[in-house]
Amino acid sequence: MLVAASVLLAALLLYVLFVGYLPAKHKVGGLEQELKTLYRREAEIQTKLTQQDHRYALRERQLTALTAERDLLVKRLEALERELELLRRRL
């Protein structure tokens, strides 16, 4: 009876080890690989986002500079129009 119980225990242990543990270990390995892939993709996306942020900031600075230049040109145009109007009145 003790020998049969020992054999049954050994068989149960081998069953748990090979049927339960090894496939779970392989699945964990696959999940770790998938996680590495996801981290790599996340890093690529983060890099692209950073580049887009830099491009957006550059465009914002360019837009601000162009707006300021346009405002200066508008003021200069208005001043020249006033000056022209004064010259026309004198003549």
PDB file of N, CA and C in Angstrom:
ATOM      1  N   MET A   1       0.829  -1.187   0.000  1.00  0.00           N
ATOM      2  CA  MET A   1       0.000   0.000   0.000  1.00  0.00           C
ATOM      3  C   MET A   1       0.880   1.260   0.000  1.00  0.00           C
ATOM      4  N   LEU A   2       1.921   1.280   0.803  1.00  0.00           N
ATOM      5  CA  LEU A   2       2.845   2.419   0.876  1.00  0.00           C
ATOM      6  C   LEU A   2       3.564   2.602  -0.456  1.00  0.00           C
ATOM      7  N   VAL A   3       3.958   1.515  -1.071  1.00  0.00           N
ATOM      8  CA  VAL A   3       4.647   1.585  -2.370  1.00  0.00           C
ATOM      9  C   VAL A   3       3.684   2.127  -3.425  1.00  0.00           C
ATOM     10  N   ALA A   4       2.455   1.657  -3.412  1.00  0.00           N
ATOM     11  CA  ALA A   4       1.461   2.130  -4.379  1.00  0.00           C
ATOM     12  C   ALA A   4       1.189   3.615  -4.172  1.00  0.00           C
ATOM     13  N   ALA A   5       1.117   4.044  -2.934  1.00  0.00           N
ATOM     14  CA  ALA A   5       0.896   5.467  -2.646  1.00  0.00           C
ATOM     15  C   ALA A   5       2.097   6.282  -3.106  1.00  0.00           C
ATOM     16  N   SER A   6       3.302   5.767  -2.912  1.00  0.00           N
ATOM     17  CA  SER A   6       4.513   6.472  -3.345  1.00  0.00           C
ATOM     18  C   SER A   6       4.553   6.575  -4.862  1.00  0.00           C
ATOM     19  N   VAL A   7       4.216   5.506  -5.545  1.00  0.00           N
ATOM     20  CA  VAL A   7       4.186   5.521  -7.006  1.00  0.00           C
ATOM     21  C   VAL A   7       3.119   6.491  -7.487  1.00  0.00           C
ATOM     22  N   LEU A   8       1.959   6.492  -6.846  1.00  0.00           N
ATOM     23  CA  LEU A   8       0.888   7.413  -7.209  1.00  0.00           C
ATOM     24  C   LEU A   8       1.316   8.856  -6.963  1.00  0.00           C
ATOM     25  N   LEU A   9       1.993   9.107  -5.859  1.00  0.00           N
ATOM     26  CA  LEU A   9       2.500  10.450  -5.558  1.00  0.00           C
ATOM     27  C   LEU A   9       3.539  10.874  -6.580  1.00  0.00           C
ATOM     28  N   ALA A  10       4.444   9.951  -6.937  1.00  0.00           N
ATOM     29  CA  ALA A  10       5.459  10.256  -7.943  1.00  0.00           C
ATOM     30  C   ALA A  10       4.797  10.543  -9.286  1.00  0.00           C
ATOM     31  N   ALA A  11       3.805   9.755  -9.661  1.00  0.00           N
ATOM     32  CA  ALA A  11       3.095   9.965 -10.920  1.00  0.00           C
ATOM     33  C   ALA A  11       2.369  11.306 -10.901  1.00  0.00           C
ATOM     34  N   LEU A  12       1.748  11.637  -9.800  1.00  0.00           N
ATOM     35  CA  LEU A  12       1.065  12.921  -9.661  1.00  0.00           C
ATOM     36  C   LEU A  12       2.052  14.078  -9.751  1.00  0.00           C
ATOM     37  N   LEU A  13       3.196  13.933  -9.120  1.00  0.00           N
ATOM     38  CA  LEU A  13       4.235  14.964  -9.166  1.00  0.00           C
ATOM     39  C   LEU A  13       4.743  15.153 -10.586  1.00  0.00           C
ATOM     40  N   LEU A  14       5.021  14.060 -11.294  1.00  0.00           N
ATOM     41  CA  LEU A  14       5.472  14.163 -12.686  1.00  0.00           C
ATOM     42  C   LEU A  14       4.399  14.785 -13.573  1.00  0.00           C
ATOM     43  N   TYR A  15       3.150  14.425 -13.331  1.00  0.00           N
ATOM     44  CA  TYR A  15       2.044  14.994 -14.097  1.00  0.00           C
ATOM     45  C   TYR A  15       1.983  16.508 -13.903  1.00  0.00           C
ATOM     46  N   VAL A  16       2.054  16.915 -12.658  1.00  0.00           N
ATOM     47  CA  VAL A  16       1.998  18.357 -12.365  1.00  0.00           C
ATOM     48  C   VAL A  16       3.205  19.053 -12.965  1.00  0.00           C
ATOM     49  N   LEU A  17       4.367  18.430 -12.867  1.00  0.00           N
ATOM     50  CA  LEU A  17       5.593  19.043 -13.354  1.00  0.00           C
ATOM     51  C   LEU A  17       5.567  19.191 -14.873  1.00  0.00           C
ATOM     52  N   PHE A  18       5.243  18.124 -15.587  1.00  0.00           N
ATOM     53  CA  PHE A  18       5.336  18.161 -17.038  1.00  0.00           C
ATOM     54  C   PHE A  18       4.077  18.680 -17.712  1.00  0.00           C
ATOM     55  N   VAL A  19       2.933  18.432 -17.172  1.00  0.00           N
ATOM     56  CA  VAL A  19       1.686  18.863 -17.809  1.00  0.00           C
ATOM     57  C   VAL A  19       1.311  20.279 -17.382  1.00  0.00           C
ATOM     58  N   GLY A  20       1.636  20.658 -16.170  1.00  0.00           N
ATOM     59  CA  GLY A  20       1.245  21.975 -15.681  1.00  0.00           C
ATOM     60  C   GLY A  20       2.363  22.997 -15.712  1.00  0.00           C
ATOM     61  N   TYR A  21       3.522  22.626 -15.211  1.00  0.00           N
ATOM     62  CA  TYR A  21       4.592  23.596 -15.011  1.00  0.00           C
ATOM     63  C   TYR A  21       5.299  23.964 -16.307  1.00  0.00           C
ATOM     64  N   LEU A  22       5.702  22.987 -17.093  1.00  0.00           N
ATOM     65  CA  LEU A  22       6.474  23.285 -18.303  1.00  0.00           C
ATOM     66  C   LEU A  22       5.688  24.096 -19.331  1.00  0.00           C
ATOM     67  N   PRO A  23       4.427  23.766 -19.611  1.00  0.00           N
ATOM     68  CA  PRO A  23       3.683  24.641 -20.537  1.00  0.00           C
ATOM     69  C   PRO A  23       3.493  26.059 -19.981  1.00  0.00           C
ATOM     70  N   ALA A  24       3.289  26.154 -18.694  1.00  0.00           N
ATOM     71  CA  ALA A  24       3.156  27.485 -18.087  1.00  0.00           C
ATOM     72  C   ALA A  24       4.459  28.253 -18.221  1.00  0.00           C
ATOM     73  N   LYS A  25       5.575  27.559 -18.056  1.00  0.00           N
ATOM     74  CA  LYS A  25       6.888  28.197 -18.183  1.00  0.00           C
ATOM     75  C   LYS A  25       7.093  28.677 -19.623  1.00  0.00           C
ATOM     76  N   HIS A  26       6.691  27.869 -20.597  1.00  0.00           N
ATOM     77  CA  HIS A  26       6.794  28.286 -21.997  1.00  0.00           C
ATOM     78  C   HIS A  26       5.880  29.479 -22.279  1.00  0.00           C
ATOM     79  N   LYS A  27       4.698  29.443 -21.708  1.00  0.00           N
ATOM     80  CA  LYS A  27       3.770  30.558 -21.905  1.00  0.00           C
ATOM     81  C   LYS A  27       4.344  31.837 -21.301  1.00  0.00           C
ATOM     82  N   VAL A  28       4.967  31.730 -20.127  1.00  0.00           N
ATOM     83  CA  VAL A  28       5.593  32.895 -19.495  1.00  0.00           C
ATOM     84  C   VAL A  28       6.696  33.433 -20.390  1.00  0.00           C
ATOM     85  N   GLY A  29       7.491  32.532 -20.982  1.00  0.00           N
ATOM     86  CA  GLY A  29       8.542  32.974 -21.907  1.00  0.00           C
ATOM     87  C   GLY A  29       7.964  33.720 -23.092  1.00  0.00           C
ATOM     88  N   GLY A  30       6.861  33.197 -23.637  1.00  0.00           N
ATOM     89  CA  GLY A  30       6.206  33.885 -24.754  1.00  0.00           C
ATOM     90  C   GLY A  30       5.655  35.239 -24.348  1.00  0.00           C
ATOM     91  N   LEU A  31       5.088  35.306 -23.156  1.00  0.00           N
ATOM     92  CA  LEU A  31       4.559  36.590 -22.668  1.00  0.00           C
ATOM     93  C   LEU A  31       5.677  37.590 -22.414  1.00  0.00           C
ATOM     94  N   GLU A  32       6.810  37.123 -21.925  1.00  0.00           N
ATOM     95  CA  GLU A  32       7.953  38.022 -21.722  1.00  0.00           C
ATOM     96  C   GLU A  32       8.448  38.566 -23.050  1.00  0.00           C
ATOM     97  N   GLN A  33       8.487  37.717 -24.073  1.00  0.00           N
ATOM     98  CA  GLN A  33       8.902  38.164 -25.403  1.00  0.00           C
ATOM     99  C   GLN A  33       7.921  39.197 -25.957  1.00  0.00           C
ATOM    100  N   GLU A  34       6.632  38.930 -25.773  1.00  0.00           N
ATOM    101  CA  GLU A  34       5.618  39.883 -26.219  1.00  0.00           C
ATOM    102  C   GLU A  34       5.745  41.203 -25.477  1.00  0.00           C
ATOM    103  N   LEU A  35       6.035  41.141 -24.193  1.00  0.00           N
ATOM    104  CA  LEU A  35       6.216  42.354 -23.400  1.00  0.00           C
ATOM    105  C   LEU A  35       7.423  43.151 -23.886  1.00  0.00           C
ATOM    106  N   LYS A  36       8.516  42.461 -24.221  1.00  0.00           N
ATOM    107  CA  LYS A  36       9.698  43.144 -24.769  1.00  0.00           C
ATOM    108  C   LYS A  36       9.354  43.831 -26.082  1.00  0.00           C
ATOM    109  N   THR A  37       8.573  43.139 -26.915  1.00  0.00           N
ATOM    110  CA  THR A  37       8.159  43.728 -28.185  1.00  0.00           C
ATOM    111  C   THR A  37       7.310  44.972 -27.948  1.00  0.00           C
ATOM    112  N   LEU A  38       6.392  44.879 -27.001  1.00  0.00           N
ATOM    113  CA  LEU A  38       5.549  46.041 -26.688  1.00  0.00           C
ATOM    114  C   LEU A  38       6.364  47.202 -26.141  1.00  0.00           C
ATOM    115  N   TYR A  39       7.336  46.917 -25.293  1.00  0.00           N
ATOM    116  CA  TYR A  39       8.194  47.982 -24.769  1.00  0.00           C
ATOM    117  C   TYR A  39       8.999  48.638 -25.895  1.00  0.00           C
ATOM    118  N   ARG A  40       9.480  47.818 -26.833  1.00  0.00           N
ATOM    119  CA  ARG A  40      10.241  48.365 -27.950  1.00  0.00           C
ATOM    120  C   ARG A  40       9.346  49.271 -28.803  1.00  0.00           C
ATOM    121  N   ARG A  41       8.125  48.824 -29.104  1.00  0.00           N
ATOM    122  CA  ARG A  41       7.196  49.647 -29.879  1.00  0.00           C
ATOM    123  C   ARG A  41       6.842  50.930 -29.128  1.00  0.00           C
ATOM    124  N   GLU A  42       6.659  50.822 -27.814  1.00  0.00           N
ATOM    125  CA  GLU A  42       6.343  51.999 -27.003  1.00  0.00           C
ATOM    126  C   GLU A  42       7.492  52.994 -27.067  1.00  0.00           C
ATOM    127  N   ALA A  43       8.734  52.488 -27.028  1.00  0.00           N
ATOM    128  CA  ALA A  43       9.894  53.380 -27.116  1.00  0.00           C
ATOM    129  C   ALA A  43       9.947  54.063 -28.480  1.00  0.00           C
ATOM    130  N   GLU A  44       9.635  53.322 -29.551  1.00  0.00           N
ATOM    131  CA  GLU A  44       9.607  53.920 -30.882  1.00  0.00           C
ATOM    132  C   GLU A  44       8.531  54.998 -30.971  1.00  0.00           C
ATOM    133  N   ILE A  45       7.372  54.704 -30.440  1.00  0.00           N
ATOM    134  CA  ILE A  45       6.270  55.680 -30.471  1.00  0.00           C
ATOM    135  C   ILE A  45       6.620  56.902 -29.637  1.00  0.00           C
ATOM    136  N   GLN A  46       7.257  56.676 -28.499  1.00  0.00           N
ATOM    137  CA  GLN A  46       7.669  57.799 -27.654  1.00  0.00           C
ATOM    138  C   GLN A  46       8.686  58.675 -28.378  1.00  0.00           C
ATOM    139  N   THR A  47       9.607  58.038 -29.108  1.00  0.00           N
ATOM    140  CA  THR A  47      10.597  58.794 -29.881  1.00  0.00           C
ATOM    141  C   THR A  47       9.908  59.622 -30.958  1.00  0.00           C
ATOM    142  N   LYS A  48       8.957  59.012 -31.672  1.00  0.00           N
ATOM    143  CA  LYS A  48       8.221  59.752 -32.697  1.00  0.00           C
ATOM    144  C   LYS A  48       7.444  60.909 -32.087  1.00  0.00           C
ATOM    145  N   LEU A  49       6.845  60.680 -30.931  1.00  0.00           N
ATOM    146  CA  LEU A  49       6.091  61.737 -30.258  1.00  0.00           C
ATOM    147  C   LEU A  49       7.013  62.896 -29.871  1.00  0.00           C
ATOM    148  N   THR A  50       8.184  62.571 -29.376  1.00  0.00           N
ATOM    149  CA  THR A  50       9.152  63.610 -29.013  1.00  0.00           C
ATOM    150  C   THR A  50       9.558  64.412 -30.241  1.00  0.00           C
ATOM    151  N   GLN A  51       9.808  63.722 -31.362  1.00  0.00           N
ATOM    152  CA  GLN A  51      10.167  64.414 -32.597  1.00  0.00           C
ATOM    153  C   GLN A  51       9.028  65.317 -33.058  1.00  0.00           C
ATOM    154  N   GLN A  52       7.801  64.822 -32.970  1.00  0.00           N
ATOM    155  CA  GLN A  52       6.665  65.646 -33.371  1.00  0.00           C
ATOM    156  C   GLN A  52       6.500  66.852 -32.451  1.00  0.00           C
ATOM    157  N   ASP A  53       6.766  66.660 -31.168  1.00  0.00           N
ATOM    158  CA  ASP A  53       6.706  67.786 -30.241  1.00  0.00           C
ATOM    159  C   ASP A  53       7.729  68.852 -30.612  1.00  0.00           C
ATOM    160  N   HIS A  54       8.937  68.408 -30.983  1.00  0.00           N
ATOM    161  CA  HIS A  54       9.974  69.367 -31.388  1.00  0.00           C
ATOM    162  C   HIS A  54       9.556  70.098 -32.665  1.00  0.00           C
ATOM    163  N   ARG A  55       8.998  69.343 -33.622  1.00  0.00           N
ATOM    164  CA  ARG A  55       8.546  69.987 -34.861  1.00  0.00           C
ATOM    165  C   ARG A  55       7.417  70.974 -34.586  1.00  0.00           C
ATOM    166  N   TYR A  56       6.507  70.589 -33.694  1.00  0.00           N
ATOM    167  CA  TYR A  56       5.390  71.474 -33.346  1.00  0.00           C
ATOM    168  C   TYR A  56       5.908  72.756 -32.691  1.00  0.00           C
ATOM    169  N   ALA A  57       6.867  72.612 -31.785  1.00  0.00           N
ATOM    170  CA  ALA A  57       7.436  73.788 -31.117  1.00  0.00           C
ATOM    171  C   ALA A  57       8.135  74.690 -32.131  1.00  0.00           C
ATOM    172  N   LEU A  58       8.859  74.087 -33.076  1.00  0.00           N
ATOM    173  CA  LEU A  58       9.524  74.877 -34.112  1.00  0.00           C
ATOM    174  C   LEU A  58       8.494  75.618 -34.958  1.00  0.00           C
ATOM    175  N   ARG A  59       7.432  74.944 -35.338  1.00  0.00           N
ATOM    176  CA  ARG A  59       6.388  75.601 -36.138  1.00  0.00           C
ATOM    177  C   ARG A  59       5.723  76.727 -35.349  1.00  0.00           C
ATOM    178  N   GLU A  60       5.533  76.515 -34.071  1.00  0.00           N
ATOM    179  CA  GLU A  60       4.946  77.570 -33.235  1.00  0.00           C
ATOM    180  C   GLU A  60       5.866  78.791 -33.192  1.00  0.00           C
ATOM    181  N   ARG A  61       7.166  78.550 -33.038  1.00  0.00           N
ATOM    182  CA  ARG A  61       8.122  79.674 -33.027  1.00  0.00           C
ATOM    183  C   ARG A  61       8.125  80.381 -34.377  1.00  0.00           C
ATOM    184  N   GLN A  62       8.087  79.604 -35.466  1.00  0.00           N
ATOM    185  CA  GLN A  62       8.057  80.213 -36.791  1.00  0.00           C
ATOM    186  C   GLN A  62       6.775  81.015 -36.989  1.00  0.00           C
ATOM    187  N   LEU A  63       5.669  80.470 -36.538  1.00  0.00           N
ATOM    188  CA  LEU A  63       4.393  81.175 -36.665  1.00  0.00           C
ATOM    189  C   LEU A  63       4.418  82.472 -35.868  1.00  0.00           C
ATOM    190  N   THR A  64       4.962  82.433 -34.681  1.00  0.00           N
ATOM    191  CA  THR A  64       5.066  83.641 -33.857  1.00  0.00           C
ATOM    192  C   THR A  64       5.941  84.683 -34.540  1.00  0.00           C
ATOM    193  N   ALA A  65       7.071  84.230 -35.099  1.00  0.00           N
ATOM    194  CA  ALA A  65       7.973  85.158 -35.791  1.00  0.00           C
ATOM    195  C   ALA A  65       7.286  85.755 -37.019  1.00  0.00           C
ATOM    196  N   LEU A  66       6.599  84.924 -37.784  1.00  0.00           N
ATOM    197  CA  LEU A  66       5.910  85.433 -38.973  1.00  0.00           C
ATOM    198  C   LEU A  66       4.775  86.381 -38.606  1.00  0.00           C
ATOM    199  N   THR A  67       4.075  86.083 -37.542  1.00  0.00           N
ATOM    200  CA  THR A  67       3.005  86.971 -37.095  1.00  0.00           C
ATOM    201  C   THR A  67       3.575  88.325 -36.677  1.00  0.00           C
ATOM    202  N   ALA A  68       4.684  88.298 -35.950  1.00  0.00           N
ATOM    203  CA  ALA A  68       5.315  89.554 -35.539  1.00  0.00           C
ATOM    204  C   ALA A  68       5.804  90.332 -36.759  1.00  0.00           C
ATOM    205  N   GLU A  69       6.378  89.629 -37.723  1.00  0.00           N
ATOM    206  CA  GLU A  69       6.852  90.292 -38.941  1.00  0.00           C
ATOM    207  C   GLU A  69       5.677  90.890 -39.713  1.00  0.00           C
ATOM    208  N   ARG A  70       4.571  90.141 -39.799  1.00  0.00           N
ATOM    209  CA  ARG A  70       3.386  90.645 -40.487  1.00  0.00           C
ATOM    210  C   ARG A  70       2.858  91.900 -39.794  1.00  0.00           C
ATOM    211  N   ASP A  71       2.811  91.869 -38.465  1.00  0.00           N
ATOM    212  CA  ASP A  71       2.330  93.035 -37.732  1.00  0.00           C
ATOM    213  C   ASP A  71       3.218  94.252 -37.977  1.00  0.00           C
ATOM    214  N   LEU A  72       4.530  94.029 -38.015  1.00  0.00           N
ATOM    215  CA  LEU A  72       5.441  95.139 -38.313  1.00  0.00           C
ATOM    216  C   LEU A  72       5.214  95.679 -39.717  1.00  0.00           C
ATOM    217  N   LEU A  73       5.004  94.772 -40.666  1.00  0.00           N
ATOM    218  CA  LEU A  73       4.758  95.221 -42.036  1.00  0.00           C
ATOM    219  C   LEU A  73       3.442  95.977 -42.144  1.00  0.00           C
ATOM    220  N   VAL A  74       2.435  95.542 -41.421  1.00  0.00           N
ATOM    221  CA  VAL A  74       1.148  96.243 -41.431  1.00  0.00           C
ATOM    222  C   VAL A  74       1.317  97.646 -40.856  1.00  0.00           C
ATOM    223  N   LYS A  75       2.043  97.740 -39.749  1.00  0.00           N
ATOM    224  CA  LYS A  75       2.278  99.066 -39.150  1.00  0.00           C
ATOM    225  C   LYS A  75       3.074  99.963 -40.095  1.00  0.00           C
ATOM    226  N   ARG A  76       4.080  99.378 -40.739  1.00  0.00           N
ATOM    227  CA  ARG A  76       4.887 100.164 -41.687  1.00  0.00           C
ATOM    228  C   ARG A  76       4.027 100.619 -42.862  1.00  0.00           C
ATOM    229  N   LEU A  77       3.164  99.726 -43.358  1.00  0.00           N
ATOM    230  CA  LEU A  77       2.273 100.072 -44.465  1.00  0.00           C
ATOM    231  C   LEU A  77       1.327 101.195 -44.055  1.00  0.00           C
ATOM    232  N   GLU A  78       0.771 101.100 -42.862  1.00  0.00           N
ATOM    233  CA  GLU A  78      -0.126 102.151 -42.391  1.00  0.00           C
ATOM    234  C   GLU A  78       0.608 103.482 -42.264  1.00  0.00           C
ATOM    235  N   ALA A  79       1.825 103.427 -41.777  1.00  0.00           N
ATOM    236  CA  ALA A  79       2.614 104.663 -41.653  1.00  0.00           C
ATOM    237  C   ALA A  79       2.898 105.248 -43.021  1.00  0.00           C
ATOM    238  N   LEU A  80       3.247 104.393 -43.986  1.00  0.00           N
ATOM    239  CA  LEU A  80       3.517 104.894 -45.335  1.00  0.00           C
ATOM    240  C   LEU A  80       2.254 105.439 -45.987  1.00  0.00           C
ATOM    241  N   GLU A  81       1.124 104.807 -45.733  1.00  0.00           N
ATOM    242  CA  GLU A  81      -0.137 105.327 -46.283  1.00  0.00           C
ATOM    243  C   GLU A  81      -0.469 106.688 -45.693  1.00  0.00           C
ATOM    244  N   ARG A  82      -0.240 106.859 -44.383  1.00  0.00           N
ATOM    245  CA  ARG A  82      -0.480 108.167 -43.763  1.00  0.00           C
ATOM    246  C   ARG A  82       0.465 109.216 -44.347  1.00  0.00           C
ATOM    247  N   GLU A  83       1.709 108.830 -44.526  1.00  0.00           N
ATOM    248  CA  GLU A  83       2.691 109.755 -45.091  1.00  0.00           C
ATOM    249  C   GLU A  83       2.309 110.130 -46.525  1.00  0.00           C
ATOM    250  N   LEU A  84       1.868 109.148 -47.301  1.00  0.00           N
ATOM    251  CA  LEU A  84       1.432 109.418 -48.673  1.00  0.00           C
ATOM    252  C   LEU A  84       0.222 110.349 -48.690  1.00  0.00           C
ATOM    253  N   GLU A  85      -0.711 110.117 -47.775  1.00  0.00           N
ATOM    254  CA  GLU A  85      -1.898 110.972 -47.698  1.00  0.00           C
ATOM    255  C   GLU A  85      -1.502 112.413 -47.346  1.00  0.00           C
ATOM    256  N   LEU A  86      -0.535 112.563 -46.438  1.00  0.00           N
ATOM    257  CA  LEU A  86      -0.077 113.915 -46.105  1.00  0.00           C
ATOM    258  C   LEU A  86       0.592 114.577 -47.302  1.00  0.00           C
ATOM    259  N   LEU A  87       1.369 113.804 -48.045  1.00  0.00           N
ATOM    260  CA  LEU A  87       2.027 114.373 -49.236  1.00  0.00           C
ATOM    261  C   LEU A  87       1.006 114.772 -50.299  1.00  0.00           C
ATOM    262  N   ARG A  88      -0.036 113.987 -50.452  1.00  0.00           N
ATOM    263  CA  ARG A  88      -1.086 114.316 -51.425  1.00  0.00           C
ATOM    264  C   ARG A  88      -1.822 115.589 -51.035  1.00  0.00           C
ATOM    265  N   ARG A  89      -2.038 115.756 -49.747  1.00  0.00           N
ATOM    266  CA  ARG A  89      -2.749 116.960 -49.276  1.00  0.00           C
ATOM    267  C   ARG A  89      -1.908 118.201 -49.490  1.00  0.00           C
ATOM    268  N   ARG A  90      -0.617 118.095 -49.349  1.00  0.00           N
ATOM    269  CA  ARG A  90       0.272 119.241 -49.543  1.00  0.00           C
ATOM    270  C   ARG A  90       0.329 119.654 -51.007  1.00  0.00           C
ATOM    271  N   LEU A  91       0.166 118.687 -51.863  1.00  0.00           N
ATOM    272  CA  LEU A  91       0.253 119.013 -53.293  1.00  0.00           C
ATOM    273  C   LEU A  91      -1.092 119.462 -53.747  1.00  0.00           C
TER     274      LEU A  91
END
